[in-house]
Amino acid sequence: MDKGEAQHGVPKVSQMQKKYGKFYADWDDEHGKRHRKALPTKKRALKFQRAQRNRVAQLKAPAPAPSANSARRGARVAKRARRVQA
């Protein structure tokens, strides 16, 4: 794995880029598209970047697991019980 490459599921940590007196917040949206925004101070850029990455992480959060009482699970358990009795 390259030094700049992020592992699957691990957010990439980038060095704050400063260019022409501006600091750049850098993040990927929920579709994987990279975005950058220039802000006047490093503190504001880091705060904005953190907020955007947290927002995207919430959007990409996995769906909750099916409940133990779901209809599909009940059908499988009943089918298994019928096989055991036969």
PDB file of N, CA and C in Angstrom:
ATOM      1  N   MET A   1       0.856  -1.176   0.000  1.00  0.00           N
ATOM      2  CA  MET A   1       0.000   0.000   0.000  1.00  0.00           C
ATOM      3  C   MET A   1       0.897   1.233   0.000  1.00  0.00           C
ATOM      4  N   ASP A   2       0.561   2.203  -0.843  1.00  0.00           N
ATOM      5  CA  ASP A   2       1.309   3.448  -0.921  1.00  0.00           C
ATOM      6  C   ASP A   2       1.122   4.269   0.342  1.00  0.00           C
ATOM      7  N   LYS A   3       2.046   5.172   0.563  1.00  0.00           N
ATOM      8  CA  LYS A   3       1.988   6.035   1.740  1.00  0.00           C
ATOM      9  C   LYS A   3       0.744   6.933   1.718  1.00  0.00           C
ATOM     10  N   GLY A   4       0.355   7.454   0.556  1.00  0.00           N
ATOM     11  CA  GLY A   4      -0.777   8.367   0.453  1.00  0.00           C
ATOM     12  C   GLY A   4      -2.116   7.674   0.281  1.00  0.00           C
ATOM     13  N   GLU A   5      -2.117   6.364   0.153  1.00  0.00           N
ATOM     14  CA  GLU A   5      -3.351   5.615  -0.100  1.00  0.00           C
ATOM     15  C   GLU A   5      -4.054   5.283   1.215  1.00  0.00           C
ATOM     16  N   ALA A   6      -5.367   5.479   1.271  1.00  0.00           N
ATOM     17  CA  ALA A   6      -6.133   5.199   2.484  1.00  0.00           C
ATOM     18  C   ALA A   6      -6.607   3.759   2.484  1.00  0.00           C
ATOM     19  N   GLN A   7      -6.642   3.143   3.650  1.00  0.00           N
ATOM     20  CA  GLN A   7      -7.175   1.795   3.781  1.00  0.00           C
ATOM     21  C   GLN A   7      -8.686   1.859   3.696  1.00  0.00           C
ATOM     22  N   HIS A   8      -9.292   0.751   3.302  1.00  0.00           N
ATOM     23  CA  HIS A   8     -10.746   0.697   3.195  1.00  0.00           C
ATOM     24  C   HIS A   8     -11.364   0.902   4.573  1.00  0.00           C
ATOM     25  N   GLY A   9     -12.287   1.833   4.683  1.00  0.00           N
ATOM     26  CA  GLY A   9     -12.978   2.083   5.943  1.00  0.00           C
ATOM     27  C   GLY A   9     -12.248   3.028   6.885  1.00  0.00           C
ATOM     28  N   VAL A  10     -11.027   3.405   6.532  1.00  0.00           N
ATOM     29  CA  VAL A  10     -10.254   4.308   7.379  1.00  0.00           C
ATOM     30  C   VAL A  10     -10.193   5.660   6.684  1.00  0.00           C
ATOM     31  N   PRO A  11     -10.657   6.729   7.356  1.00  0.00           N
ATOM     32  CA  PRO A  11     -10.626   8.037   6.698  1.00  0.00           C
ATOM     33  C   PRO A  11      -9.203   8.477   6.421  1.00  0.00           C
ATOM     34  N   LYS A  12      -8.995   9.048   5.242  1.00  0.00           N
ATOM     35  CA  LYS A  12      -7.649   9.500   4.919  1.00  0.00           C
ATOM     36  C   LYS A  12      -7.361  10.794   5.674  1.00  0.00           C
ATOM     37  N   VAL A  13      -6.151  10.944   6.104  1.00  0.00           N
ATOM     38  CA  VAL A  13      -5.731  12.139   6.816  1.00  0.00           C
ATOM     39  C   VAL A  13      -4.776  12.867   5.892  1.00  0.00           C
ATOM     40  N   SER A  14      -5.135  14.075   5.528  1.00  0.00           N
ATOM     41  CA  SER A  14      -4.277  14.813   4.617  1.00  0.00           C
ATOM     42  C   SER A  14      -3.650  15.995   5.336  1.00  0.00           C
ATOM     43  N   GLN A  15      -2.504  16.374   4.851  1.00  0.00           N
ATOM     44  CA  GLN A  15      -1.830  17.552   5.364  1.00  0.00           C
ATOM     45  C   GLN A  15      -2.637  18.766   4.915  1.00  0.00           C
ATOM     46  N   MET A  16      -2.820  19.732   5.783  1.00  0.00           N
ATOM     47  CA  MET A  16      -3.550  20.944   5.427  1.00  0.00           C
ATOM     48  C   MET A  16      -2.713  21.693   4.389  1.00  0.00           C
ATOM     49  N   GLN A  17      -3.316  21.975   3.246  1.00  0.00           N
ATOM     50  CA  GLN A  17      -2.596  22.658   2.177  1.00  0.00           C
ATOM     51  C   GLN A  17      -2.767  24.168   2.298  1.00  0.00           C
ATOM     52  N   LYS A  18      -1.670  24.878   2.183  1.00  0.00           N
ATOM     53  CA  LYS A  18      -1.706  26.336   2.207  1.00  0.00           C
ATOM     54  C   LYS A  18      -1.205  26.829   0.857  1.00  0.00           C
ATOM     55  N   LYS A  19      -2.005  27.699   0.249  1.00  0.00           N
ATOM     56  CA  LYS A  19      -1.641  28.185  -1.068  1.00  0.00           C
ATOM     57  C   LYS A  19      -2.154  29.610  -1.210  1.00  0.00           C
ATOM     58  N   TYR A  20      -1.290  30.514  -1.601  1.00  0.00           N
ATOM     59  CA  TYR A  20      -1.650  31.921  -1.794  1.00  0.00           C
ATOM     60  C   TYR A  20      -2.291  32.536  -0.542  1.00  0.00           C
ATOM     61  N   GLY A  21      -1.796  32.145   0.633  1.00  0.00           N
ATOM     62  CA  GLY A  21      -2.295  32.715   1.871  1.00  0.00           C
ATOM     63  C   GLY A  21      -3.626  32.142   2.347  1.00  0.00           C
ATOM     64  N   LYS A  22      -4.123  31.096   1.688  1.00  0.00           N
ATOM     65  CA  LYS A  22      -5.387  30.452   2.074  1.00  0.00           C
ATOM     66  C   LYS A  22      -5.091  29.017   2.508  1.00  0.00           C
ATOM     67  N   PHE A  23      -5.940  28.518   3.384  1.00  0.00           N
ATOM     68  CA  PHE A  23      -5.840  27.129   3.827  1.00  0.00           C
ATOM     69  C   PHE A  23      -6.998  26.357   3.205  1.00  0.00           C
ATOM     70  N   TYR A  24      -6.714  25.154   2.753  1.00  0.00           N
ATOM     71  CA  TYR A  24      -7.706  24.389   2.003  1.00  0.00           C
ATOM     72  C   TYR A  24      -8.254  23.210   2.800  1.00  0.00           C
ATOM     73  N   ALA A  25      -9.566  23.207   2.987  1.00  0.00           N
ATOM     74  CA  ALA A  25     -10.254  22.049   3.562  1.00  0.00           C
ATOM     75  C   ALA A  25     -10.428  21.048   2.416  1.00  0.00           C
ATOM     76  N   ASP A  26     -10.191  19.779   2.686  1.00  0.00           N
ATOM     77  CA  ASP A  26     -10.207  18.748   1.650  1.00  0.00           C
ATOM     78  C   ASP A  26     -11.049  17.578   2.141  1.00  0.00           C
ATOM     79  N   TRP A  27     -12.067  17.171   1.381  1.00  0.00           N
ATOM     80  CA  TRP A  27     -12.920  16.053   1.774  1.00  0.00           C
ATOM     81  C   TRP A  27     -13.515  15.388   0.544  1.00  0.00           C
ATOM     82  N   ASP A  28     -13.979  14.156   0.702  1.00  0.00           N
ATOM     83  CA  ASP A  28     -14.673  13.412  -0.347  1.00  0.00           C
ATOM     84  C   ASP A  28     -16.137  13.336   0.038  1.00  0.00           C
ATOM     85  N   ASP A  29     -17.035  13.566  -0.931  1.00  0.00           N
ATOM     86  CA  ASP A  29     -18.464  13.495  -0.628  1.00  0.00           C
ATOM     87  C   ASP A  29     -18.930  12.041  -0.593  1.00  0.00           C
ATOM     88  N   GLU A  30     -20.241  11.838  -0.351  1.00  0.00           N
ATOM     89  CA  GLU A  30     -20.778  10.485  -0.213  1.00  0.00           C
ATOM     90  C   GLU A  30     -20.691   9.668  -1.503  1.00  0.00           C
ATOM     91  N   HIS A  31     -20.432  10.340  -2.628  1.00  0.00           N
ATOM     92  CA  HIS A  31     -20.304   9.645  -3.906  1.00  0.00           C
ATOM     93  C   HIS A  31     -18.844   9.419  -4.281  1.00  0.00           C
ATOM     94  N   GLY A  32     -17.931   9.851  -3.417  1.00  0.00           N
ATOM     95  CA  GLY A  32     -16.508   9.657  -3.653  1.00  0.00           C
ATOM     96  C   GLY A  32     -15.834  10.807  -4.400  1.00  0.00           C
ATOM     97  N   LYS A  33     -16.580  11.863  -4.706  1.00  0.00           N
ATOM     98  CA  LYS A  33     -16.005  13.007  -5.410  1.00  0.00           C
ATOM     99  C   LYS A  33     -15.246  13.893  -4.426  1.00  0.00           C
ATOM    100  N   ARG A  34     -14.050  14.292  -4.829  1.00  0.00           N
ATOM    101  CA  ARG A  34     -13.208  15.114  -3.967  1.00  0.00           C
ATOM    102  C   ARG A  34     -13.615  16.583  -4.057  1.00  0.00           C
ATOM    103  N   HIS A  35     -13.614  17.256  -2.906  1.00  0.00           N
ATOM    104  CA  HIS A  35     -13.941  18.682  -2.840  1.00  0.00           C
ATOM    105  C   HIS A  35     -12.865  19.402  -2.038  1.00  0.00           C
ATOM    106  N   ARG A  36     -12.662  20.669  -2.369  1.00  0.00           N
ATOM    107  CA  ARG A  36     -11.747  21.527  -1.615  1.00  0.00           C
ATOM    108  C   ARG A  36     -12.374  22.897  -1.489  1.00  0.00           C
ATOM    109  N   LYS A  37     -12.144  23.513  -0.336  1.00  0.00           N
ATOM    110  CA  LYS A  37     -12.646  24.865  -0.117  1.00  0.00           C
ATOM    111  C   LYS A  37     -11.552  25.673   0.566  1.00  0.00           C
ATOM    112  N   ALA A  38     -11.308  26.870   0.050  1.00  0.00           N
ATOM    113  CA  ALA A  38     -10.294  27.754   0.610  1.00  0.00           C
ATOM    114  C   ALA A  38     -10.902  28.596   1.722  1.00  0.00           C
ATOM    115  N   LEU A  39     -10.186  28.657   2.855  1.00  0.00           N
ATOM    116  CA  LEU A  39     -10.624  29.454   3.996  1.00  0.00           C
ATOM    117  C   LEU A  39      -9.449  30.298   4.483  1.00  0.00           C
ATOM    118  N   PRO A  40      -9.727  31.417   5.164  1.00  0.00           N
ATOM    119  CA  PRO A  40      -8.658  32.356   5.528  1.00  0.00           C
ATOM    120  C   PRO A  40      -7.707  31.863   6.620  1.00  0.00           C
ATOM    121  N   THR A  41      -8.172  30.997   7.536  1.00  0.00           N
ATOM    122  CA  THR A  41      -7.290  30.538   8.619  1.00  0.00           C
ATOM    123  C   THR A  41      -7.250  29.015   8.673  1.00  0.00           C
ATOM    124  N   LYS A  42      -6.172  28.500   9.212  1.00  0.00           N
ATOM    125  CA  LYS A  42      -6.007  27.057   9.338  1.00  0.00           C
ATOM    126  C   LYS A  42      -7.064  26.480  10.282  1.00  0.00           C
ATOM    127  N   LYS A  43      -7.347  27.196  11.363  1.00  0.00           N
ATOM    128  CA  LYS A  43      -8.327  26.733  12.336  1.00  0.00           C
ATOM    129  C   LYS A  43      -9.707  26.578  11.702  1.00  0.00           C
ATOM    130  N   ARG A  44     -10.131  27.578  10.925  1.00  0.00           N
ATOM    131  CA  ARG A  44     -11.443  27.501  10.270  1.00  0.00           C
ATOM    132  C   ARG A  44     -11.472  26.415   9.206  1.00  0.00           C
ATOM    133  N   ALA A  45     -10.352  26.242   8.491  1.00  0.00           N
ATOM    134  CA  ALA A  45     -10.279  25.202   7.458  1.00  0.00           C
ATOM    135  C   ALA A  45     -10.382  23.816   8.095  1.00  0.00           C
ATOM    136  N   LEU A  46      -9.681  23.600   9.200  1.00  0.00           N
ATOM    137  CA  LEU A  46      -9.739  22.300   9.884  1.00  0.00           C
ATOM    138  C   LEU A  46     -11.138  22.036  10.434  1.00  0.00           C
ATOM    139  N   LYS A  47     -11.759  23.064  10.996  1.00  0.00           N
ATOM    140  CA  LYS A  47     -13.104  22.916  11.548  1.00  0.00           C
ATOM    141  C   LYS A  47     -14.107  22.580  10.440  1.00  0.00           C
ATOM    142  N   PHE A  48     -14.014  23.275   9.315  1.00  0.00           N
ATOM    143  CA  PHE A  48     -14.916  23.020   8.185  1.00  0.00           C
ATOM    144  C   PHE A  48     -14.680  21.619   7.617  1.00  0.00           C
ATOM    145  N   GLN A  49     -13.414  21.254   7.470  1.00  0.00           N
ATOM    146  CA  GLN A  49     -13.064  19.936   6.933  1.00  0.00           C
ATOM    147  C   GLN A  49     -13.596  18.827   7.824  1.00  0.00           C
ATOM    148  N   ARG A  50     -13.421  18.961   9.135  1.00  0.00           N
ATOM    149  CA  ARG A  50     -13.910  17.967  10.093  1.00  0.00           C
ATOM    150  C   ARG A  50     -15.436  17.840  10.007  1.00  0.00           C
ATOM    151  N   ALA A  51     -16.120  18.978   9.911  1.00  0.00           N
ATOM    152  CA  ALA A  51     -17.580  18.967   9.824  1.00  0.00           C
ATOM    153  C   ALA A  51     -18.051  18.252   8.556  1.00  0.00           C
ATOM    154  N   GLN A  52     -17.391  18.522   7.431  1.00  0.00           N
ATOM    155  CA  GLN A  52     -17.783  17.888   6.174  1.00  0.00           C
ATOM    156  C   GLN A  52     -17.529  16.385   6.209  1.00  0.00           C
ATOM    157  N   ARG A  53     -16.388  15.985   6.741  1.00  0.00           N
ATOM    158  CA  ARG A  53     -16.072  14.550   6.811  1.00  0.00           C
ATOM    159  C   ARG A  53     -17.033  13.823   7.751  1.00  0.00           C
ATOM    160  N   ASN A  54     -17.410  14.462   8.855  1.00  0.00           N
ATOM    161  CA  ASN A  54     -18.375  13.854   9.773  1.00  0.00           C
ATOM    162  C   ASN A  54     -19.744  13.726   9.118  1.00  0.00           C
ATOM    163  N   ARG A  55     -20.157  14.763   8.376  1.00  0.00           N
ATOM    164  CA  ARG A  55     -21.445  14.731   7.681  1.00  0.00           C
ATOM    165  C   ARG A  55     -21.482  13.578   6.676  1.00  0.00           C
ATOM    166  N   VAL A  56     -20.409  13.429   5.914  1.00  0.00           N
ATOM    167  CA  VAL A  56     -20.339  12.359   4.916  1.00  0.00           C
ATOM    168  C   VAL A  56     -20.325  10.997   5.603  1.00  0.00           C
ATOM    169  N   ALA A  57     -19.606  10.883   6.720  1.00  0.00           N
ATOM    170  CA  ALA A  57     -19.547   9.607   7.440  1.00  0.00           C
ATOM    171  C   ALA A  57     -20.935   9.202   7.926  1.00  0.00           C
ATOM    172  N   GLN A  58     -21.746  10.162   8.360  1.00  0.00           N
ATOM    173  CA  GLN A  58     -23.103   9.854   8.799  1.00  0.00           C
ATOM    174  C   GLN A  58     -23.965   9.410   7.628  1.00  0.00           C
ATOM    175  N   LEU A  59     -23.778  10.024   6.478  1.00  0.00           N
ATOM    176  CA  LEU A  59     -24.548   9.639   5.297  1.00  0.00           C
ATOM    177  C   LEU A  59     -24.170   8.248   4.814  1.00  0.00           C
ATOM    178  N   LYS A  60     -22.908   7.876   5.012  1.00  0.00           N
ATOM    179  CA  LYS A  60     -22.431   6.583   4.540  1.00  0.00           C
ATOM    180  C   LYS A  60     -22.527   5.494   5.603  1.00  0.00           C
ATOM    181  N   ALA A  61     -23.096   5.807   6.769  1.00  0.00           N
ATOM    182  CA  ALA A  61     -23.192   4.835   7.858  1.00  0.00           C
ATOM    183  C   ALA A  61     -23.982   3.613   7.391  1.00  0.00           C
ATOM    184  N   PRO A  62     -23.566   2.423   7.797  1.00  0.00           N
ATOM    185  CA  PRO A  62     -24.269   1.211   7.368  1.00  0.00           C
ATOM    186  C   PRO A  62     -25.689   1.155   7.926  1.00  0.00           C
ATOM    187  N   ALA A  63     -26.554   0.499   7.198  1.00  0.00           N
ATOM    188  CA  ALA A  63     -27.938   0.329   7.642  1.00  0.00           C
ATOM    189  C   ALA A  63     -27.962  -0.569   8.873  1.00  0.00           C
ATOM    190  N   PRO A  64     -28.917  -0.353   9.765  1.00  0.00           N
ATOM    191  CA  PRO A  64     -28.995  -1.192  10.954  1.00  0.00           C
ATOM    192  C   PRO A  64     -29.306  -2.645  10.571  1.00  0.00           C
ATOM    193  N   ALA A  65     -28.838  -3.556  11.387  1.00  0.00           N
ATOM    194  CA  ALA A  65     -29.063  -4.983  11.137  1.00  0.00           C
ATOM    195  C   ALA A  65     -30.540  -5.314  11.290  1.00  0.00           C
ATOM    196  N   PRO A  66     -31.016  -6.320  10.563  1.00  0.00           N
ATOM    197  CA  PRO A  66     -32.429  -6.702  10.701  1.00  0.00           C
ATOM    198  C   PRO A  66     -32.700  -7.204  12.117  1.00  0.00           C
ATOM    199  N   SER A  67     -33.897  -6.984  12.589  1.00  0.00           N
ATOM    200  CA  SER A  67     -34.231  -7.406  13.945  1.00  0.00           C
ATOM    201  C   SER A  67     -34.353  -8.918  14.019  1.00  0.00           C
ATOM    202  N   ALA A  68     -34.219  -9.462  15.213  1.00  0.00           N
ATOM    203  CA  ALA A  68     -34.305 -10.905  15.411  1.00  0.00           C
ATOM    204  C   ALA A  68     -35.706 -11.423  15.118  1.00  0.00           C
ATOM    205  N   ASN A  69     -36.701 -10.550  15.146  1.00  0.00           N
ATOM    206  CA  ASN A  69     -38.076 -10.968  14.923  1.00  0.00           C
ATOM    207  C   ASN A  69     -38.556 -10.668  13.505  1.00  0.00           C
ATOM    208  N   SER A  70     -37.641 -10.473  12.584  1.00  0.00           N
ATOM    209  CA  SER A  70     -38.053 -10.140  11.225  1.00  0.00           C
ATOM    210  C   SER A  70     -38.775 -11.316  10.583  1.00  0.00           C
ATOM    211  N   ALA A  71     -39.576 -11.035   9.589  1.00  0.00           N
ATOM    212  CA  ALA A  71     -40.369 -12.067   8.912  1.00  0.00           C
ATOM    213  C   ALA A  71     -39.467 -13.103   8.247  1.00  0.00           C
ATOM    214  N   ARG A  72     -38.392 -12.660   7.623  1.00  0.00           N
ATOM    215  CA  ARG A  72     -37.502 -13.612   6.948  1.00  0.00           C
ATOM    216  C   ARG A  72     -36.848 -14.552   7.952  1.00  0.00           C
ATOM    217  N   ARG A  73     -36.412 -14.015   9.066  1.00  0.00           N
ATOM    218  CA  ARG A  73     -35.754 -14.854  10.065  1.00  0.00           C
ATOM    219  C   ARG A  73     -36.746 -15.869  10.613  1.00  0.00           C
ATOM    220  N   GLY A  74     -37.971 -15.439  10.860  1.00  0.00           N
ATOM    221  CA  GLY A  74     -38.983 -16.351  11.372  1.00  0.00           C
ATOM    222  C   GLY A  74     -39.254 -17.493  10.405  1.00  0.00           C
ATOM    223  N   ALA A  75     -39.277 -17.206   9.120  1.00  0.00           N
ATOM    224  CA  ALA A  75     -39.506 -18.237   8.108  1.00  0.00           C
ATOM    225  C   ALA A  75     -38.356 -19.229   8.080  1.00  0.00           C
ATOM    226  N   ARG A  76     -37.131 -18.744   8.211  1.00  0.00           N
ATOM    227  CA  ARG A  76     -35.972 -19.655   8.190  1.00  0.00           C
ATOM    228  C   ARG A  76     -35.977 -20.556   9.420  1.00  0.00           C
ATOM    229  N   VAL A  77     -36.276 -19.984  10.577  1.00  0.00           N
ATOM    230  CA  VAL A  77     -36.292 -20.778  11.810  1.00  0.00           C
ATOM    231  C   VAL A  77     -37.368 -21.847  11.725  1.00  0.00           C
ATOM    232  N   ALA A  78     -38.552 -21.478  11.218  1.00  0.00           N
ATOM    233  CA  ALA A  78     -39.639 -22.445  11.092  1.00  0.00           C
ATOM    234  C   ALA A  78     -39.261 -23.550  10.113  1.00  0.00           C
ATOM    235  N   LYS A  79     -38.623 -23.210   9.015  1.00  0.00           N
ATOM    236  CA  LYS A  79     -38.216 -24.207   8.013  1.00  0.00           C
ATOM    237  C   LYS A  79     -37.197 -25.162   8.614  1.00  0.00           C
ATOM    238  N   ARG A  80     -36.244 -24.624   9.362  1.00  0.00           N
ATOM    239  CA  ARG A  80     -35.227 -25.459  10.009  1.00  0.00           C
ATOM    240  C   ARG A  80     -35.889 -26.404  11.015  1.00  0.00           C
ATOM    241  N   ALA A  81     -36.866 -25.895  11.762  1.00  0.00           N
ATOM    242  CA  ALA A  81     -37.564 -26.718  12.764  1.00  0.00           C
ATOM    243  C   ALA A  81     -38.302 -27.863  12.085  1.00  0.00           C
ATOM    244  N   ARG A  82     -38.903 -27.609  10.931  1.00  0.00           N
ATOM    245  CA  ARG A  82     -39.613 -28.665  10.200  1.00  0.00           C
ATOM    246  C   ARG A  82     -38.635 -29.731   9.723  1.00  0.00           C
ATOM    247  N   ARG A  83     -37.444 -29.315   9.286  1.00  0.00           N
ATOM    248  CA  ARG A  83     -36.442 -30.294   8.824  1.00  0.00           C
ATOM    249  C   ARG A  83     -35.991 -31.188   9.975  1.00  0.00           C
ATOM    250  N   VAL A  84     -35.804 -30.612  11.138  1.00  0.00           N
ATOM    251  CA  VAL A  84     -35.332 -31.377  12.301  1.00  0.00           C
ATOM    252  C   VAL A  84     -36.395 -32.400  12.723  1.00  0.00           C
ATOM    253  N   GLN A  85     -37.664 -32.015  12.665  1.00  0.00           N
ATOM    254  CA  GLN A  85     -38.740 -32.919  13.072  1.00  0.00           C
ATOM    255  C   GLN A  85     -38.908 -34.064  12.084  1.00  0.00           C
ATOM    256  N   ALA A  86     -38.594 -33.883  10.839  1.00  0.00           N
ATOM    257  CA  ALA A  86     -38.812 -34.916   9.804  1.00  0.00           C
ATOM    258  C   ALA A  86     -37.810 -36.028   9.864  1.00  0.00           C
TER     259      ALA A  86
END
